[in-house]
Amino acid sequence: YIHQRGEKLPQFLLPNDVDCPWDSRAQFLAASSSSEMKQLR
């Protein structure tokens, strides 16, 4: 929806049906300060 409205997505979210790149909660929390997480936030 956001892409359809013309908003640019972060590169790692393309294509916009991509799966979550973090496989577990532990990985997700460990990546809290990563470049991808900052872009996402």
PDB file of all heavy atoms in Angstrom:
ATOM      1  N   TYR A   1       0.828  -1.204   0.000  1.00  0.00           N
ATOM      2  CA  TYR A   1       0.000   0.000   0.000  1.00  0.00           C
ATOM      3  C   TYR A   1       0.866   1.260   0.000  1.00  0.00           C
ATOM      4  O   TYR A   1       0.647   2.195  -0.785  1.00  0.00           O
ATOM      5  CB  TYR A   1      -0.935  -0.016   1.211  1.00  0.00           C
ATOM      6  CG  TYR A   1      -1.612   1.312   1.425  1.00  0.00           C
ATOM      7  CD1 TYR A   1      -2.577   1.766   0.539  1.00  0.00           C
ATOM      8  CD2 TYR A   1      -1.260   2.130   2.499  1.00  0.00           C
ATOM      9  CE1 TYR A   1      -3.188   2.992   0.714  1.00  0.00           C
ATOM     10  CE2 TYR A   1      -1.860   3.353   2.680  1.00  0.00           C
ATOM     11  CZ  TYR A   1      -2.826   3.788   1.784  1.00  0.00           C
ATOM     12  OH  TYR A   1      -3.412   5.004   1.958  1.00  0.00           O
ATOM     13  N   ILE A   2       1.855   1.296   0.888  1.00  0.00           N
ATOM     14  CA  ILE A   2       2.709   2.480   0.985  1.00  0.00           C
ATOM     15  C   ILE A   2       3.465   2.699  -0.328  1.00  0.00           C
ATOM     16  O   ILE A   2       3.589   3.835  -0.808  1.00  0.00           O
ATOM     17  CB  ILE A   2       3.682   2.331   2.169  1.00  0.00           C
ATOM     18  CG1 ILE A   2       2.896   2.399   3.500  1.00  0.00           C
ATOM     19  CG2 ILE A   2       4.756   3.408   2.131  1.00  0.00           C
ATOM     20  CD1 ILE A   2       3.750   2.153   4.733  1.00  0.00           C
ATOM     21  N   HIS A   3       3.955   1.618  -0.928  1.00  0.00           N
ATOM     22  CA  HIS A   3       4.647   1.719  -2.216  1.00  0.00           C
ATOM     23  C   HIS A   3       3.696   2.220  -3.298  1.00  0.00           C
ATOM     24  O   HIS A   3       4.067   3.064  -4.134  1.00  0.00           O
ATOM     25  CB  HIS A   3       5.226   0.361  -2.587  1.00  0.00           C
ATOM     26  CG  HIS A   3       6.066   0.364  -3.823  1.00  0.00           C
ATOM     27  ND1 HIS A   3       7.268   1.034  -3.920  1.00  0.00           N
ATOM     28  CD2 HIS A   3       5.871  -0.227  -5.039  1.00  0.00           C
ATOM     29  CE1 HIS A   3       7.775   0.861  -5.118  1.00  0.00           C
ATOM     30  NE2 HIS A   3       6.950   0.109  -5.823  1.00  0.00           N
ATOM     31  N   GLN A   4       2.455   1.735  -3.268  1.00  0.00           N
ATOM     32  CA  GLN A   4       1.448   2.154  -4.244  1.00  0.00           C
ATOM     33  C   GLN A   4       1.125   3.636  -4.109  1.00  0.00           C
ATOM     34  O   GLN A   4       0.810   4.299  -5.106  1.00  0.00           O
ATOM     35  CB  GLN A   4       0.180   1.318  -4.048  1.00  0.00           C
ATOM     36  CG  GLN A   4      -0.869   1.496  -5.128  1.00  0.00           C
ATOM     37  CD  GLN A   4      -2.061   0.594  -4.900  1.00  0.00           C
ATOM     38  OE1 GLN A   4      -2.354   0.203  -3.771  1.00  0.00           O
ATOM     39  NE2 GLN A   4      -2.755   0.247  -5.960  1.00  0.00           N
ATOM     40  N   ARG A   5       1.242   4.161  -2.913  1.00  0.00           N
ATOM     41  CA  ARG A   5       0.990   5.590  -2.695  1.00  0.00           C
ATOM     42  C   ARG A   5       2.191   6.461  -3.072  1.00  0.00           C
ATOM     43  O   ARG A   5       2.152   7.679  -2.900  1.00  0.00           O
ATOM     44  CB  ARG A   5       0.630   5.821  -1.220  1.00  0.00           C
ATOM     45  CG  ARG A   5      -0.767   5.345  -0.836  1.00  0.00           C
ATOM     46  CD  ARG A   5      -1.875   6.186  -1.454  1.00  0.00           C
ATOM     47  NE  ARG A   5      -1.791   7.563  -1.075  1.00  0.00           N
ATOM     48  CZ  ARG A   5      -2.361   8.081   0.011  1.00  0.00           C
ATOM     49  NH1 ARG A   5      -3.054   7.306   0.839  1.00  0.00           N
ATOM     50  NH2 ARG A   5      -2.248   9.365   0.283  1.00  0.00           N
ATOM     51  N   GLY A   6       3.261   5.835  -3.581  1.00  0.00           N
ATOM     52  CA  GLY A   6       4.389   6.595  -4.090  1.00  0.00           C
ATOM     53  C   GLY A   6       5.519   6.824  -3.111  1.00  0.00           C
ATOM     54  O   GLY A   6       6.477   7.537  -3.428  1.00  0.00           O
ATOM     55  N   GLU A   7       5.435   6.213  -1.935  1.00  0.00           N
ATOM     56  CA  GLU A   7       6.504   6.370  -0.941  1.00  0.00           C
ATOM     57  C   GLU A   7       7.652   5.417  -1.262  1.00  0.00           C
ATOM     58  O   GLU A   7       7.437   4.251  -1.587  1.00  0.00           O
ATOM     59  CB  GLU A   7       5.957   6.067   0.458  1.00  0.00           C
ATOM     60  CG  GLU A   7       6.904   6.400   1.587  1.00  0.00           C
ATOM     61  CD  GLU A   7       7.026   7.884   1.843  1.00  0.00           C
ATOM     62  OE1 GLU A   7       6.106   8.646   1.462  1.00  0.00           O
ATOM     63  OE2 GLU A   7       8.057   8.281   2.430  1.00  0.00           O
ATOM     64  N   LYS A   8       8.873   5.920  -1.161  1.00  0.00           N
ATOM     65  CA  LYS A   8      10.051   5.103  -1.441  1.00  0.00           C
ATOM     66  C   LYS A   8      10.312   4.165  -0.274  1.00  0.00           C
ATOM     67  O   LYS A   8      10.348   4.592   0.883  1.00  0.00           O
ATOM     68  CB  LYS A   8      11.265   5.991  -1.683  1.00  0.00           C
ATOM     69  CG  LYS A   8      12.513   5.231  -2.101  1.00  0.00           C
ATOM     70  CD  LYS A   8      13.659   6.181  -2.410  1.00  0.00           C
ATOM     71  CE  LYS A   8      14.908   5.419  -2.825  1.00  0.00           C
ATOM     72  NZ  LYS A   8      16.036   6.336  -3.120  1.00  0.00           N
ATOM     73  N   LEU A   9      10.493   2.885  -0.564  1.00  0.00           N
ATOM     74  CA  LEU A   9      10.792   1.899   0.464  1.00  0.00           C
ATOM     75  C   LEU A   9      12.300   1.763   0.641  1.00  0.00           C
ATOM     76  O   LEU A   9      13.052   1.893  -0.326  1.00  0.00           O
ATOM     77  CB  LEU A   9      10.211   0.526   0.097  1.00  0.00           C
ATOM     78  CG  LEU A   9       8.724   0.415  -0.200  1.00  0.00           C
ATOM     79  CD1 LEU A   9       8.353  -1.045  -0.441  1.00  0.00           C
ATOM     80  CD2 LEU A   9       7.892   0.993   0.918  1.00  0.00           C
ATOM     81  N   PRO A  10      12.764   1.474   1.872  1.00  0.00           N
ATOM     82  CA  PRO A  10      14.180   1.129   2.041  1.00  0.00           C
ATOM     83  C   PRO A  10      14.552  -0.036   1.128  1.00  0.00           C
ATOM     84  O   PRO A  10      13.742  -0.936   0.900  1.00  0.00           O
ATOM     85  CB  PRO A  10      14.259   0.722   3.514  1.00  0.00           C
ATOM     86  CG  PRO A  10      13.130   1.458   4.174  1.00  0.00           C
ATOM     87  CD  PRO A  10      12.027   1.483   3.146  1.00  0.00           C
ATOM     88  N   GLN A  11      15.772  -0.020   0.625  1.00  0.00           N
ATOM     89  CA  GLN A  11      16.179  -0.995  -0.374  1.00  0.00           C
ATOM     90  C   GLN A  11      15.988  -2.432   0.102  1.00  0.00           C
ATOM     91  O   GLN A  11      15.575  -3.300  -0.680  1.00  0.00           O
ATOM     92  CB  GLN A  11      17.652  -0.761  -0.753  1.00  0.00           C
ATOM     93  CG  GLN A  11      18.116  -1.566  -1.952  1.00  0.00           C
ATOM     94  CD  GLN A  11      17.391  -1.195  -3.240  1.00  0.00           C
ATOM     95  OE1 GLN A  11      17.067  -0.021  -3.455  1.00  0.00           O
ATOM     96  NE2 GLN A  11      17.120  -2.184  -4.090  1.00  0.00           N
ATOM     97  N   PHE A  12      16.247  -2.705   1.370  1.00  0.00           N
ATOM     98  CA  PHE A  12      16.155  -4.089   1.833  1.00  0.00           C
ATOM     99  C   PHE A  12      14.709  -4.569   1.957  1.00  0.00           C
ATOM    100  O   PHE A  12      14.464  -5.753   2.183  1.00  0.00           O
ATOM    101  CB  PHE A  12      16.906  -4.274   3.162  1.00  0.00           C
ATOM    102  CG  PHE A  12      16.146  -3.865   4.393  1.00  0.00           C
ATOM    103  CD1 PHE A  12      15.491  -4.812   5.175  1.00  0.00           C
ATOM    104  CD2 PHE A  12      16.096  -2.534   4.788  1.00  0.00           C
ATOM    105  CE1 PHE A  12      14.809  -4.442   6.317  1.00  0.00           C
ATOM    106  CE2 PHE A  12      15.410  -2.159   5.920  1.00  0.00           C
ATOM    107  CZ  PHE A  12      14.768  -3.108   6.694  1.00  0.00           C
ATOM    108  N   LEU A  13      13.739  -3.662   1.794  1.00  0.00           N
ATOM    109  CA  LEU A  13      12.328  -4.046   1.814  1.00  0.00           C
ATOM    110  C   LEU A  13      11.782  -4.305   0.408  1.00  0.00           C
ATOM    111  O   LEU A  13      10.593  -4.562   0.255  1.00  0.00           O
ATOM    112  CB  LEU A  13      11.486  -2.969   2.490  1.00  0.00           C
ATOM    113  CG  LEU A  13      11.724  -2.760   3.985  1.00  0.00           C
ATOM    114  CD1 LEU A  13      10.832  -1.649   4.504  1.00  0.00           C
ATOM    115  CD2 LEU A  13      11.473  -4.050   4.754  1.00  0.00           C
ATOM    116  N   LEU A  14      12.628  -4.229  -0.600  1.00  0.00           N
ATOM    117  CA  LEU A  14      12.209  -4.515  -1.976  1.00  0.00           C
ATOM    118  C   LEU A  14      12.622  -5.933  -2.355  1.00  0.00           C
ATOM    119  O   LEU A  14      13.748  -6.341  -2.072  1.00  0.00           O
ATOM    120  CB  LEU A  14      12.839  -3.512  -2.940  1.00  0.00           C
ATOM    121  CG  LEU A  14      12.424  -2.055  -2.736  1.00  0.00           C
ATOM    122  CD1 LEU A  14      13.268  -1.140  -3.607  1.00  0.00           C
ATOM    123  CD2 LEU A  14      10.943  -1.870  -3.061  1.00  0.00           C
ATOM    124  N   PRO A  15      11.767  -6.728  -2.996  1.00  0.00           N
ATOM    125  CA  PRO A  15      10.363  -6.445  -3.310  1.00  0.00           C
ATOM    126  C   PRO A  15       9.530  -6.334  -2.040  1.00  0.00           C
ATOM    127  O   PRO A  15       9.932  -6.821  -0.982  1.00  0.00           O
ATOM    128  CB  PRO A  15       9.947  -7.666  -4.136  1.00  0.00           C
ATOM    129  CG  PRO A  15      10.818  -8.754  -3.622  1.00  0.00           C
ATOM    130  CD  PRO A  15      12.133  -8.117  -3.319  1.00  0.00           C
ATOM    131  N   ASN A  16       8.363  -5.708  -2.153  1.00  0.00           N
ATOM    132  CA  ASN A  16       7.616  -5.404  -0.931  1.00  0.00           C
ATOM    133  C   ASN A  16       6.827  -6.581  -0.366  1.00  0.00           C
ATOM    134  O   ASN A  16       6.049  -6.401   0.559  1.00  0.00           O
ATOM    135  CB  ASN A  16       6.703  -4.183  -1.130  1.00  0.00           C
ATOM    136  CG  ASN A  16       5.793  -4.318  -2.334  1.00  0.00           C
ATOM    137  OD1 ASN A  16       5.297  -5.393  -2.623  1.00  0.00           O
ATOM    138  ND2 ASN A  16       5.582  -3.215  -3.029  1.00  0.00           N
ATOM    139  N   ASP A  17       7.030  -7.773  -0.894  1.00  0.00           N
ATOM    140  CA  ASP A  17       6.483  -8.977  -0.267  1.00  0.00           C
ATOM    141  C   ASP A  17       7.597  -9.805   0.369  1.00  0.00           C
ATOM    142  O   ASP A  17       7.453 -11.002   0.600  1.00  0.00           O
ATOM    143  CB  ASP A  17       5.696  -9.827  -1.270  1.00  0.00           C
ATOM    144  CG  ASP A  17       6.547 -10.278  -2.449  1.00  0.00           C
ATOM    145  OD1 ASP A  17       7.691  -9.806  -2.567  1.00  0.00           O
ATOM    146  OD2 ASP A  17       6.052 -11.094  -3.255  1.00  0.00           O
ATOM    147  N   VAL A  18       8.733  -9.147   0.657  1.00  0.00           N
ATOM    148  CA  VAL A  18       9.889  -9.832   1.214  1.00  0.00           C
ATOM    149  C   VAL A  18       9.567 -10.381   2.607  1.00  0.00           C
ATOM    150  O   VAL A  18       8.762  -9.802   3.347  1.00  0.00           O
ATOM    151  CB  VAL A  18      11.095  -8.864   1.274  1.00  0.00           C
ATOM    152  CG1 VAL A  18      10.846  -7.731   2.266  1.00  0.00           C
ATOM    153  CG2 VAL A  18      12.373  -9.595   1.621  1.00  0.00           C
ATOM    154  N   ASP A  19      10.190 -11.510   2.946  1.00  0.00           N
ATOM    155  CA  ASP A  19      10.031 -12.072   4.290  1.00  0.00           C
ATOM    156  C   ASP A  19      10.882 -11.283   5.284  1.00  0.00           C
ATOM    157  O   ASP A  19      11.863 -10.617   4.918  1.00  0.00           O
ATOM    158  CB  ASP A  19      10.481 -13.537   4.312  1.00  0.00           C
ATOM    159  CG  ASP A  19       9.557 -14.446   3.520  1.00  0.00           C
ATOM    160  OD1 ASP A  19       8.333 -14.337   3.692  1.00  0.00           O
ATOM    161  OD2 ASP A  19      10.070 -15.254   2.719  1.00  0.00           O
ATOM    162  N   CYS A  20      10.520 -11.383   6.540  1.00  0.00           N
ATOM    163  CA  CYS A  20      11.298 -10.747   7.600  1.00  0.00           C
ATOM    164  C   CYS A  20      12.729 -11.300   7.567  1.00  0.00           C
ATOM    165  O   CYS A  20      12.927 -12.522   7.600  1.00  0.00           O
ATOM    166  CB  CYS A  20      10.648 -11.026   8.954  1.00  0.00           C
ATOM    167  SG  CYS A  20      11.548 -10.326  10.349  1.00  0.00           S
ATOM    168  N   PRO A  21      13.749 -10.451   7.493  1.00  0.00           N
ATOM    169  CA  PRO A  21      15.123 -10.936   7.367  1.00  0.00           C
ATOM    170  C   PRO A  21      15.711 -11.489   8.662  1.00  0.00           C
ATOM    171  O   PRO A  21      16.780 -12.104   8.637  1.00  0.00           O
ATOM    172  CB  PRO A  21      15.892  -9.694   6.908  1.00  0.00           C
ATOM    173  CG  PRO A  21      15.102  -8.545   7.436  1.00  0.00           C
ATOM    174  CD  PRO A  21      13.673  -8.986   7.384  1.00  0.00           C
ATOM    175  N   TRP A  22      15.044 -11.255   9.787  1.00  0.00           N
ATOM    176  CA  TRP A  22      15.519 -11.784  11.063  1.00  0.00           C
ATOM    177  C   TRP A  22      14.723 -13.038  11.400  1.00  0.00           C
ATOM    178  O   TRP A  22      13.496 -13.025  11.439  1.00  0.00           O
ATOM    179  CB  TRP A  22      15.384 -10.726  12.155  1.00  0.00           C
ATOM    180  CG  TRP A  22      16.189  -9.502  11.824  1.00  0.00           C
ATOM    181  CD1 TRP A  22      17.545  -9.352  11.930  1.00  0.00           C
ATOM    182  CD2 TRP A  22      15.701  -8.262  11.288  1.00  0.00           C
ATOM    183  NE1 TRP A  22      17.929  -8.103  11.509  1.00  0.00           N
ATOM    184  CE2 TRP A  22      16.814  -7.403  11.107  1.00  0.00           C
ATOM    185  CE3 TRP A  22      14.428  -7.778  10.949  1.00  0.00           C
ATOM    186  CZ2 TRP A  22      16.704  -6.112  10.608  1.00  0.00           C
ATOM    187  CZ3 TRP A  22      14.307  -6.503  10.453  1.00  0.00           C
ATOM    188  CH2 TRP A  22      15.442  -5.678  10.276  1.00  0.00           C
ATOM    189  N   ASP A  23      15.416 -14.114  11.658  1.00  0.00           N
ATOM    190  CA  ASP A  23      14.790 -15.425  11.771  1.00  0.00           C
ATOM    191  C   ASP A  23      14.183 -15.705  13.134  1.00  0.00           C
ATOM    192  O   ASP A  23      13.375 -16.616  13.277  1.00  0.00           O
ATOM    193  CB  ASP A  23      15.834 -16.511  11.449  1.00  0.00           C
ATOM    194  CG  ASP A  23      15.186 -17.872  11.214  1.00  0.00           C
ATOM    195  OD1 ASP A  23      14.295 -17.949  10.355  1.00  0.00           O
ATOM    196  OD2 ASP A  23      15.575 -18.826  11.911  1.00  0.00           O
ATOM    197  N   SER A  24      14.553 -14.936  14.142  1.00  0.00           N
ATOM    198  CA  SER A  24      14.076 -15.190  15.498  1.00  0.00           C
ATOM    199  C   SER A  24      14.065 -13.883  16.283  1.00  0.00           C
ATOM    200  O   SER A  24      14.658 -12.875  15.873  1.00  0.00           O
ATOM    201  CB  SER A  24      14.990 -16.194  16.207  1.00  0.00           C
ATOM    202  OG  SER A  24      16.282 -15.627  16.407  1.00  0.00           O
ATOM    203  N   ARG A  25      13.409 -13.919  17.433  1.00  0.00           N
ATOM    204  CA  ARG A  25      13.391 -12.744  18.304  1.00  0.00           C
ATOM    205  C   ARG A  25      14.805 -12.383  18.751  1.00  0.00           C
ATOM    206  O   ARG A  25      15.160 -11.200  18.821  1.00  0.00           O
ATOM    207  CB  ARG A  25      12.498 -13.003  19.512  1.00  0.00           C
ATOM    208  CG  ARG A  25      12.379 -11.801  20.454  1.00  0.00           C
ATOM    209  CD  ARG A  25      11.332 -12.042  21.519  1.00  0.00           C
ATOM    210  NE  ARG A  25      11.113 -10.851  22.317  1.00  0.00           N
ATOM    211  CZ  ARG A  25      11.694 -10.624  23.509  1.00  0.00           C
ATOM    212  NH1 ARG A  25      12.510 -11.538  24.033  1.00  0.00           N
ATOM    213  NH2 ARG A  25      11.445  -9.519  24.180  1.00  0.00           N
ATOM    214  N   ALA A  26      15.617 -13.401  19.043  1.00  0.00           N
ATOM    215  CA  ALA A  26      16.992 -13.137  19.477  1.00  0.00           C
ATOM    216  C   ALA A  26      17.770 -12.390  18.400  1.00  0.00           C
ATOM    217  O   ALA A  26      18.490 -11.417  18.697  1.00  0.00           O
ATOM    218  CB  ALA A  26      17.687 -14.446  19.826  1.00  0.00           C
ATOM    219  N   GLN A  27      17.638 -12.813  17.138  1.00  0.00           N
ATOM    220  CA  GLN A  27      18.314 -12.124  16.034  1.00  0.00           C
ATOM    221  C   GLN A  27      17.794 -10.697  15.886  1.00  0.00           C
ATOM    222  O   GLN A  27      18.553  -9.760  15.639  1.00  0.00           O
ATOM    223  CB  GLN A  27      18.121 -12.893  14.736  1.00  0.00           C
ATOM    224  CG  GLN A  27      18.924 -14.168  14.608  1.00  0.00           C
ATOM    225  CD  GLN A  27      18.778 -14.790  13.226  1.00  0.00           C
ATOM    226  OE1 GLN A  27      18.241 -14.177  12.303  1.00  0.00           O
ATOM    227  NE2 GLN A  27      19.252 -16.023  13.072  1.00  0.00           N
ATOM    228  N   PHE A  28      16.486 -10.554  16.008  1.00  0.00           N
ATOM    229  CA  PHE A  28      15.841  -9.246  15.858  1.00  0.00           C
ATOM    230  C   PHE A  28      16.366  -8.275  16.918  1.00  0.00           C
ATOM    231  O   PHE A  28      16.739  -7.137  16.606  1.00  0.00           O
ATOM    232  CB  PHE A  28      14.327  -9.423  15.983  1.00  0.00           C
ATOM    233  CG  PHE A  28      13.517  -8.192  15.727  1.00  0.00           C
ATOM    234  CD1 PHE A  28      13.123  -7.849  14.448  1.00  0.00           C
ATOM    235  CD2 PHE A  28      13.120  -7.367  16.782  1.00  0.00           C
ATOM    236  CE1 PHE A  28      12.355  -6.715  14.205  1.00  0.00           C
ATOM    237  CE2 PHE A  28      12.351  -6.234  16.556  1.00  0.00           C
ATOM    238  CZ  PHE A  28      11.969  -5.907  15.264  1.00  0.00           C
ATOM    239  N   LEU A  29      16.409  -8.713  18.171  1.00  0.00           N
ATOM    240  CA  LEU A  29      16.887  -7.849  19.248  1.00  0.00           C
ATOM    241  C   LEU A  29      18.374  -7.536  19.091  1.00  0.00           C
ATOM    242  O   LEU A  29      18.811  -6.413  19.365  1.00  0.00           O
ATOM    243  CB  LEU A  29      16.621  -8.508  20.596  1.00  0.00           C
ATOM    244  CG  LEU A  29      15.141  -8.696  20.972  1.00  0.00           C
ATOM    245  CD1 LEU A  29      15.025  -9.393  22.320  1.00  0.00           C
ATOM    246  CD2 LEU A  29      14.405  -7.360  20.999  1.00  0.00           C
ATOM    247  N   ALA A  30      19.139  -8.524  18.645  1.00  0.00           N
ATOM    248  CA  ALA A  30      20.573  -8.306  18.446  1.00  0.00           C
ATOM    249  C   ALA A  30      20.839  -7.274  17.355  1.00  0.00           C
ATOM    250  O   ALA A  30      21.877  -6.605  17.357  1.00  0.00           O
ATOM    251  CB  ALA A  30      21.261  -9.625  18.103  1.00  0.00           C
ATOM    252  N   ALA A  31      19.898  -7.122  16.425  1.00  0.00           N
ATOM    253  CA  ALA A  31      20.052  -6.192  15.299  1.00  0.00           C
ATOM    254  C   ALA A  31      19.427  -4.831  15.575  1.00  0.00           C
ATOM    255  O   ALA A  31      19.268  -4.026  14.652  1.00  0.00           O
ATOM    256  CB  ALA A  31      19.428  -6.798  14.042  1.00  0.00           C
ATOM    257  N   SER A  32      19.076  -4.548  16.828  1.00  0.00           N
ATOM    258  CA  SER A  32      18.314  -3.336  17.138  1.00  0.00           C
ATOM    259  C   SER A  32      19.031  -2.044  16.737  1.00  0.00           C
ATOM    260  O   SER A  32      18.376  -1.028  16.488  1.00  0.00           O
ATOM    261  CB  SER A  32      17.978  -3.295  18.637  1.00  0.00           C
ATOM    262  OG  SER A  32      19.170  -3.280  19.408  1.00  0.00           O
ATOM    263  N   SER A  33      20.371  -2.080  16.667  1.00  0.00           N
ATOM    264  CA  SER A  33      21.131  -0.886  16.281  1.00  0.00           C
ATOM    265  C   SER A  33      21.731  -1.002  14.886  1.00  0.00           C
ATOM    266  O   SER A  33      22.565  -0.169  14.492  1.00  0.00           O
ATOM    267  CB  SER A  33      22.256  -0.633  17.295  1.00  0.00           C
ATOM    268  OG  SER A  33      21.725  -0.382  18.579  1.00  0.00           O
ATOM    269  N   SER A  34      21.306  -2.008  14.129  1.00  0.00           N
ATOM    270  CA  SER A  34      21.854  -2.215  12.789  1.00  0.00           C
ATOM    271  C   SER A  34      21.337  -1.161  11.817  1.00  0.00           C
ATOM    272  O   SER A  34      20.333  -0.490  12.059  1.00  0.00           O
ATOM    273  CB  SER A  34      21.476  -3.603  12.275  1.00  0.00           C
ATOM    274  OG  SER A  34      20.081  -3.692  12.066  1.00  0.00           O
ATOM    275  N   SER A  35      22.030  -1.034  10.695  1.00  0.00           N
ATOM    276  CA  SER A  35      21.623  -0.083   9.663  1.00  0.00           C
ATOM    277  C   SER A  35      20.217  -0.378   9.159  1.00  0.00           C
ATOM    278  O   SER A  35      19.400   0.532   8.977  1.00  0.00           O
ATOM    279  CB  SER A  35      22.614  -0.126   8.503  1.00  0.00           C
ATOM    280  OG  SER A  35      22.164   0.649   7.417  1.00  0.00           O
ATOM    281  N   GLU A  36      19.910  -1.674   8.933  1.00  0.00           N
ATOM    282  CA  GLU A  36      18.584  -2.049   8.418  1.00  0.00           C
ATOM    283  C   GLU A  36      17.484  -1.686   9.417  1.00  0.00           C
ATOM    284  O   GLU A  36      16.430  -1.188   9.026  1.00  0.00           O
ATOM    285  CB  GLU A  36      18.543  -3.551   8.120  1.00  0.00           C
ATOM    286  CG  GLU A  36      19.358  -3.975   6.906  1.00  0.00           C
ATOM    287  CD  GLU A  36      20.827  -4.149   7.238  1.00  0.00           C
ATOM    288  OE1 GLU A  36      21.200  -4.038   8.432  1.00  0.00           O
ATOM    289  OE2 GLU A  36      21.609  -4.394   6.298  1.00  0.00           O
ATOM    290  N   MET A  37      17.740  -1.942  10.700  1.00  0.00           N
ATOM    291  CA  MET A  37      16.713  -1.642  11.699  1.00  0.00           C
ATOM    292  C   MET A  37      16.489  -0.139  11.821  1.00  0.00           C
ATOM    293  O   MET A  37      15.349   0.324  11.965  1.00  0.00           O
ATOM    294  CB  MET A  37      17.098  -2.236  13.043  1.00  0.00           C
ATOM    295  CG  MET A  37      15.962  -2.246  14.060  1.00  0.00           C
ATOM    296  SD  MET A  37      14.659  -3.448  13.659  1.00  0.00           S
ATOM    297  CE  MET A  37      15.466  -4.988  14.155  1.00  0.00           C
ATOM    298  N   LYS A  38      17.561   0.644  11.742  1.00  0.00           N
ATOM    299  CA  LYS A  38      17.410   2.096  11.794  1.00  0.00           C
ATOM    300  C   LYS A  38      16.626   2.601  10.587  1.00  0.00           C
ATOM    301  O   LYS A  38      15.760   3.483  10.717  1.00  0.00           O
ATOM    302  CB  LYS A  38      18.784   2.764  11.855  1.00  0.00           C
ATOM    303  CG  LYS A  38      19.505   2.564  13.188  1.00  0.00           C
ATOM    304  CD  LYS A  38      20.899   3.187  13.165  1.00  0.00           C
ATOM    305  CE  LYS A  38      21.620   2.973  14.480  1.00  0.00           C
ATOM    306  NZ  LYS A  38      23.010   3.519  14.455  1.00  0.00           N
ATOM    307  N   GLN A  39      16.921   2.042   9.405  1.00  0.00           N
ATOM    308  CA  GLN A  39      16.160   2.416   8.209  1.00  0.00           C
ATOM    309  C   GLN A  39      14.686   2.070   8.380  1.00  0.00           C
ATOM    310  O   GLN A  39      13.806   2.856   8.013  1.00  0.00           O
ATOM    311  CB  GLN A  39      16.711   1.678   6.990  1.00  0.00           C
ATOM    312  CG  GLN A  39      18.064   2.131   6.503  1.00  0.00           C
ATOM    313  CD  GLN A  39      18.504   1.310   5.305  1.00  0.00           C
ATOM    314  OE1 GLN A  39      17.807   1.251   4.284  1.00  0.00           O
ATOM    315  NE2 GLN A  39      19.649   0.660   5.416  1.00  0.00           N
ATOM    316  N   LEU A  40      14.427   0.891   8.915  1.00  0.00           N
ATOM    317  CA  LEU A  40      13.057   0.438   9.101  1.00  0.00           C
ATOM    318  C   LEU A  40      12.314   1.342  10.070  1.00  0.00           C
ATOM    319  O   LEU A  40      11.175   1.751   9.817  1.00  0.00           O
ATOM    320  CB  LEU A  40      13.066  -1.010   9.605  1.00  0.00           C
ATOM    321  CG  LEU A  40      11.717  -1.661   9.899  1.00  0.00           C
ATOM    322  CD1 LEU A  40      10.831  -1.646   8.659  1.00  0.00           C
ATOM    323  CD2 LEU A  40      11.923  -3.099  10.397  1.00  0.00           C
ATOM    324  N   ARG A  41      12.973   1.676  11.179  1.00  0.00           N
ATOM    325  CA  ARG A  41      12.329   2.528  12.186  1.00  0.00           C
ATOM    326  C   ARG A  41      12.061   3.919  11.634  1.00  0.00           C
ATOM    327  O   ARG A  41      10.979   4.492  11.860  1.00  0.00           O
ATOM    328  CB  ARG A  41      13.218   2.577  13.434  1.00  0.00           C
ATOM    329  CG  ARG A  41      12.489   3.002  14.698  1.00  0.00           C
ATOM    330  CD  ARG A  41      13.389   2.863  15.923  1.00  0.00           C
ATOM    331  NE  ARG A  41      13.667   1.466  16.215  1.00  0.00           N
ATOM    332  CZ  ARG A  41      14.889   0.925  16.263  1.00  0.00           C
ATOM    333  NH1 ARG A  41      15.960   1.668  16.034  1.00  0.00           N
ATOM    334  NH2 ARG A  41      15.049  -0.343  16.546  1.00  0.00           N
TER     335      ARG A  41
END
